[in-house]
């Protein structure tokens, strides 16, 4: 089972360059419990990237750069399939 509705979709975030940014996502209810990954501008983010931390449903950027700005989507995945959240924008000024 994988419901359609995200319990908490990510919201837009505006930060100054060098500041930390956190995008939060609580995936839809599912059985088995869905895992969360993230896409930026349509490209899946790697949790190997030292610049980013993905923990639980949170995507954390320790020190934002101009290049981090973009449109982020939270992706919930389990054996049934995949659901994308509404997009959230990260603005870095």
N, C-alpha and C. Protein backbone atom coordinates (compact mmCIF):
# COMPACT_ATOMS: atom_id res chain seq x y z
N UNK A 1 0.86 -1.19 0.00
CA UNK A 1 0.00 0.00 0.00
C UNK A 1 0.89 1.24 0.00
N UNK A 2 0.51 2.25 -0.78
CA UNK A 2 1.19 3.55 -0.72
C UNK A 2 0.17 4.62 -1.04
N UNK A 3 -0.19 5.40 -0.01
CA UNK A 3 -1.21 6.43 -0.18
C UNK A 3 -0.68 7.54 -1.08
N UNK A 4 -1.59 8.38 -1.55
CA UNK A 4 -1.22 9.48 -2.45
C UNK A 4 -0.76 10.72 -1.70
N UNK A 5 -1.34 10.92 -0.52
CA UNK A 5 -1.15 12.21 0.16
C UNK A 5 0.06 12.19 1.09
N UNK A 6 0.97 13.14 0.86
CA UNK A 6 2.11 13.31 1.73
C UNK A 6 1.61 13.89 3.05
N UNK A 7 2.08 13.31 4.17
CA UNK A 7 1.66 13.83 5.47
C UNK A 7 2.22 15.24 5.66
N UNK A 8 3.42 15.48 5.14
CA UNK A 8 3.97 16.84 5.13
C UNK A 8 4.82 17.01 3.88
N UNK A 9 4.31 17.73 2.88
CA UNK A 9 5.14 17.99 1.70
C UNK A 9 6.15 19.08 2.02
N UNK A 10 7.27 19.11 1.31
CA UNK A 10 8.25 20.18 1.57
C UNK A 10 7.69 21.54 1.20
N UNK A 11 8.13 22.57 1.92
CA UNK A 11 7.71 23.94 1.63
C UNK A 11 8.88 24.73 1.07
N UNK A 12 8.59 25.86 0.46
CA UNK A 12 9.64 26.71 -0.09
C UNK A 12 10.54 27.23 1.02
N UNK A 13 11.83 27.34 0.73
CA UNK A 13 12.81 27.82 1.71
C UNK A 13 13.64 28.91 1.07
N UNK A 14 13.84 30.00 1.81
CA UNK A 14 14.68 31.11 1.34
C UNK A 14 15.79 31.31 2.36
N UNK A 15 17.04 31.22 1.89
CA UNK A 15 18.19 31.39 2.80
C UNK A 15 19.26 32.25 2.14
N UNK A 16 20.13 32.80 2.99
CA UNK A 16 21.30 33.52 2.49
C UNK A 16 22.38 32.49 2.21
N UNK A 17 23.21 32.73 1.20
CA UNK A 17 24.32 31.83 0.88
C UNK A 17 25.18 31.64 2.13
N UNK A 18 25.59 30.40 2.39
CA UNK A 18 26.39 30.09 3.56
C UNK A 18 25.56 29.66 4.76
N UNK A 19 24.26 29.94 4.73
CA UNK A 19 23.38 29.53 5.82
C UNK A 19 22.95 28.08 5.60
N UNK A 20 22.59 27.39 6.68
CA UNK A 20 22.04 26.04 6.50
C UNK A 20 20.60 26.10 5.99
N UNK A 21 20.20 25.08 5.26
CA UNK A 21 18.82 25.00 4.78
C UNK A 21 18.30 23.59 5.08
N UNK A 22 17.03 23.51 5.46
CA UNK A 22 16.41 22.21 5.72
C UNK A 22 15.09 22.15 4.97
N UNK A 23 14.93 21.11 4.17
CA UNK A 23 13.65 20.83 3.52
C UNK A 23 13.10 19.60 4.22
N UNK A 24 11.86 19.69 4.69
CA UNK A 24 11.28 18.59 5.44
C UNK A 24 10.19 17.91 4.64
N UNK A 25 10.11 16.58 4.82
CA UNK A 25 9.09 15.83 4.10
C UNK A 25 8.65 14.67 4.98
N UNK A 26 7.35 14.51 5.13
CA UNK A 26 6.82 13.31 5.79
C UNK A 26 6.04 12.57 4.71
N UNK A 27 6.52 11.38 4.33
CA UNK A 27 5.92 10.67 3.19
C UNK A 27 4.51 10.19 3.49
N UNK A 28 3.78 9.78 2.46
CA UNK A 28 2.45 9.22 2.69
C UNK A 28 2.56 7.95 3.53
N UNK A 29 1.46 7.56 4.16
CA UNK A 29 1.47 6.28 4.87
C UNK A 29 1.57 5.17 3.83
N UNK A 30 2.29 4.13 4.20
CA UNK A 30 2.42 3.00 3.28
C UNK A 30 2.81 1.75 4.02
N UNK A 31 2.61 0.63 3.39
CA UNK A 31 3.02 -0.65 3.96
C UNK A 31 3.69 -1.44 2.85
N UNK A 32 4.99 -1.72 2.92
CA UNK A 32 5.90 -1.30 3.99
C UNK A 32 6.10 0.22 4.00
N UNK A 33 6.59 0.74 5.12
CA UNK A 33 6.83 2.18 5.29
C UNK A 33 7.73 2.67 4.15
N UNK A 34 7.31 3.71 3.42
CA UNK A 34 8.12 4.16 2.29
C UNK A 34 9.43 4.81 2.72
N UNK A 35 10.44 4.65 1.88
CA UNK A 35 11.69 5.37 2.10
C UNK A 35 11.59 6.69 1.35
N UNK A 36 12.41 7.66 1.78
CA UNK A 36 12.37 8.99 1.17
C UNK A 36 13.68 9.28 0.46
N UNK A 37 13.56 9.76 -0.76
CA UNK A 37 14.73 10.29 -1.46
C UNK A 37 14.30 11.65 -2.03
N UNK A 38 15.24 12.34 -2.63
CA UNK A 38 14.97 13.69 -3.11
C UNK A 38 15.46 13.85 -4.54
N UNK A 39 14.75 14.69 -5.28
CA UNK A 39 15.19 15.09 -6.62
C UNK A 39 15.33 16.60 -6.63
N UNK A 40 16.37 17.07 -7.32
CA UNK A 40 16.55 18.50 -7.52
C UNK A 40 16.50 18.75 -9.01
N UNK A 41 15.60 19.64 -9.43
CA UNK A 41 15.42 19.93 -10.86
C UNK A 41 15.30 18.64 -11.67
N UNK A 42 14.57 17.66 -11.09
CA UNK A 42 14.29 16.42 -11.81
C UNK A 42 15.37 15.36 -11.71
N UNK A 43 16.49 15.65 -11.04
CA UNK A 43 17.59 14.69 -10.94
C UNK A 43 17.70 14.18 -9.51
N UNK A 44 17.73 12.86 -9.35
CA UNK A 44 17.79 12.29 -8.00
C UNK A 44 19.11 12.66 -7.32
N UNK A 45 19.01 13.08 -6.06
CA UNK A 45 20.20 13.47 -5.30
C UNK A 45 20.84 12.24 -4.68
N UNK A 46 22.14 12.23 -4.65
CA UNK A 46 22.88 11.12 -4.07
C UNK A 46 23.15 11.40 -2.60
N UNK A 47 22.96 10.38 -1.76
CA UNK A 47 23.29 10.59 -0.34
C UNK A 47 24.80 10.43 -0.13
N UNK A 48 25.54 10.23 -1.21
CA UNK A 48 27.00 10.19 -1.13
C UNK A 48 27.58 11.61 -1.17
N UNK A 49 26.76 12.58 -1.52
CA UNK A 49 27.21 13.96 -1.61
C UNK A 49 27.46 14.50 -0.20
N UNK A 50 28.73 14.82 0.12
CA UNK A 50 29.07 15.29 1.47
C UNK A 50 28.38 16.61 1.82
N UNK A 51 28.01 17.34 0.81
CA UNK A 51 27.39 18.66 0.98
C UNK A 51 25.96 18.54 1.53
N UNK A 52 25.36 17.36 1.33
CA UNK A 52 23.96 17.15 1.71
C UNK A 52 23.84 16.06 2.75
N UNK A 53 22.84 16.17 3.60
CA UNK A 53 22.52 15.08 4.51
C UNK A 53 21.04 14.76 4.32
N UNK A 54 20.74 13.48 4.09
CA UNK A 54 19.35 13.06 3.99
C UNK A 54 19.11 12.14 5.18
N UNK A 55 18.26 12.58 6.10
CA UNK A 55 18.00 11.80 7.29
C UNK A 55 16.51 11.79 7.56
N UNK A 56 15.94 10.61 7.66
CA UNK A 56 14.49 10.53 7.79
C UNK A 56 13.92 11.20 6.55
N UNK A 57 13.01 12.11 6.74
CA UNK A 57 12.45 12.81 5.59
C UNK A 57 13.11 14.15 5.32
N UNK A 58 14.18 14.46 6.09
CA UNK A 58 14.79 15.79 5.96
C UNK A 58 15.93 15.79 4.96
N UNK A 59 15.99 16.86 4.20
CA UNK A 59 17.15 17.11 3.35
C UNK A 59 17.83 18.33 3.95
N UNK A 60 19.08 18.14 4.40
CA UNK A 60 19.78 19.22 5.07
C UNK A 60 21.01 19.64 4.27
N UNK A 61 21.14 20.93 4.08
CA UNK A 61 22.31 21.49 3.40
C UNK A 61 23.04 22.31 4.46
N UNK A 62 24.26 21.90 4.80
CA UNK A 62 24.97 22.53 5.91
C UNK A 62 25.29 24.00 5.61
N UNK A 63 25.76 24.24 4.41
CA UNK A 63 26.16 25.60 4.02
C UNK A 63 25.74 25.80 2.57
N UNK A 64 24.65 26.52 2.37
CA UNK A 64 24.09 26.62 1.03
C UNK A 64 24.99 27.43 0.09
N UNK A 65 24.97 27.00 -1.16
CA UNK A 65 25.68 27.70 -2.23
C UNK A 65 24.63 28.13 -3.25
N UNK A 66 25.01 29.09 -4.06
CA UNK A 66 24.09 29.54 -5.13
C UNK A 66 23.61 28.35 -5.95
N UNK A 67 24.52 27.39 -6.16
CA UNK A 67 24.20 26.23 -7.01
C UNK A 67 23.16 25.30 -6.38
N UNK A 68 22.88 25.48 -5.08
CA UNK A 68 21.86 24.65 -4.43
C UNK A 68 20.45 25.12 -4.75
N UNK A 69 20.33 26.36 -5.22
CA UNK A 69 19.01 26.90 -5.54
C UNK A 69 18.36 26.03 -6.62
N UNK A 70 17.07 25.84 -6.50
CA UNK A 70 16.37 25.05 -7.51
C UNK A 70 15.07 24.52 -6.96
N UNK A 71 14.49 23.60 -7.71
CA UNK A 71 13.20 23.03 -7.35
C UNK A 71 13.43 21.60 -6.85
N UNK A 72 12.98 21.35 -5.63
CA UNK A 72 13.19 20.06 -4.99
C UNK A 72 11.87 19.31 -4.87
N UNK A 73 11.94 17.99 -5.05
CA UNK A 73 10.77 17.14 -4.91
C UNK A 73 11.14 15.98 -3.99
N UNK A 74 10.27 15.69 -3.05
CA UNK A 74 10.44 14.57 -2.13
C UNK A 74 9.81 13.35 -2.79
N UNK A 75 10.54 12.25 -2.82
CA UNK A 75 10.06 11.03 -3.47
C UNK A 75 9.90 9.93 -2.43
N UNK A 76 8.69 9.40 -2.30
CA UNK A 76 8.42 8.29 -1.39
C UNK A 76 8.37 7.01 -2.21
N UNK A 77 9.12 6.00 -1.76
CA UNK A 77 9.21 4.75 -2.53
C UNK A 77 9.01 3.54 -1.63
N UNK A 78 8.17 2.61 -2.06
CA UNK A 78 8.15 1.28 -1.46
C UNK A 78 7.87 0.28 -2.58
N UNK A 79 7.62 -1.00 -2.23
CA UNK A 79 7.48 -2.02 -3.26
C UNK A 79 6.32 -1.74 -4.21
N UNK A 80 5.33 -1.01 -3.76
CA UNK A 80 4.15 -0.72 -4.59
C UNK A 80 4.50 0.28 -5.70
N UNK A 81 5.39 1.21 -5.39
CA UNK A 81 5.71 2.21 -6.40
C UNK A 81 6.33 3.45 -5.78
N UNK A 82 6.10 4.55 -6.46
CA UNK A 82 6.76 5.79 -6.11
C UNK A 82 5.76 6.94 -6.17
N UNK A 83 5.88 7.88 -5.25
CA UNK A 83 5.05 9.09 -5.28
C UNK A 83 5.96 10.29 -5.17
N UNK A 84 5.69 11.30 -5.98
CA UNK A 84 6.43 12.57 -5.90
C UNK A 84 5.58 13.59 -5.14
N UNK A 85 6.22 14.37 -4.28
CA UNK A 85 5.52 15.44 -3.58
C UNK A 85 5.33 16.62 -4.54
N UNK A 86 4.59 17.59 -4.07
CA UNK A 86 4.54 18.86 -4.77
C UNK A 86 5.94 19.46 -4.72
N UNK A 87 6.36 20.20 -5.75
CA UNK A 87 7.70 20.77 -5.73
C UNK A 87 7.83 21.92 -4.71
N UNK A 88 9.03 22.05 -4.15
CA UNK A 88 9.35 23.15 -3.25
C UNK A 88 10.58 23.84 -3.80
N UNK A 89 10.61 25.16 -3.66
CA UNK A 89 11.75 25.90 -4.20
C UNK A 89 12.70 26.31 -3.09
N UNK A 90 14.00 26.12 -3.36
CA UNK A 90 15.03 26.63 -2.46
C UNK A 90 15.65 27.85 -3.15
N UNK A 91 15.51 28.99 -2.49
CA UNK A 91 16.04 30.24 -3.03
C UNK A 91 17.26 30.63 -2.19
N UNK A 92 18.39 30.86 -2.84
CA UNK A 92 19.62 31.23 -2.15
C UNK A 92 20.01 32.63 -2.63
N UNK A 93 20.06 33.59 -1.67
CA UNK A 93 20.41 34.95 -2.08
C UNK A 93 21.71 35.40 -1.46
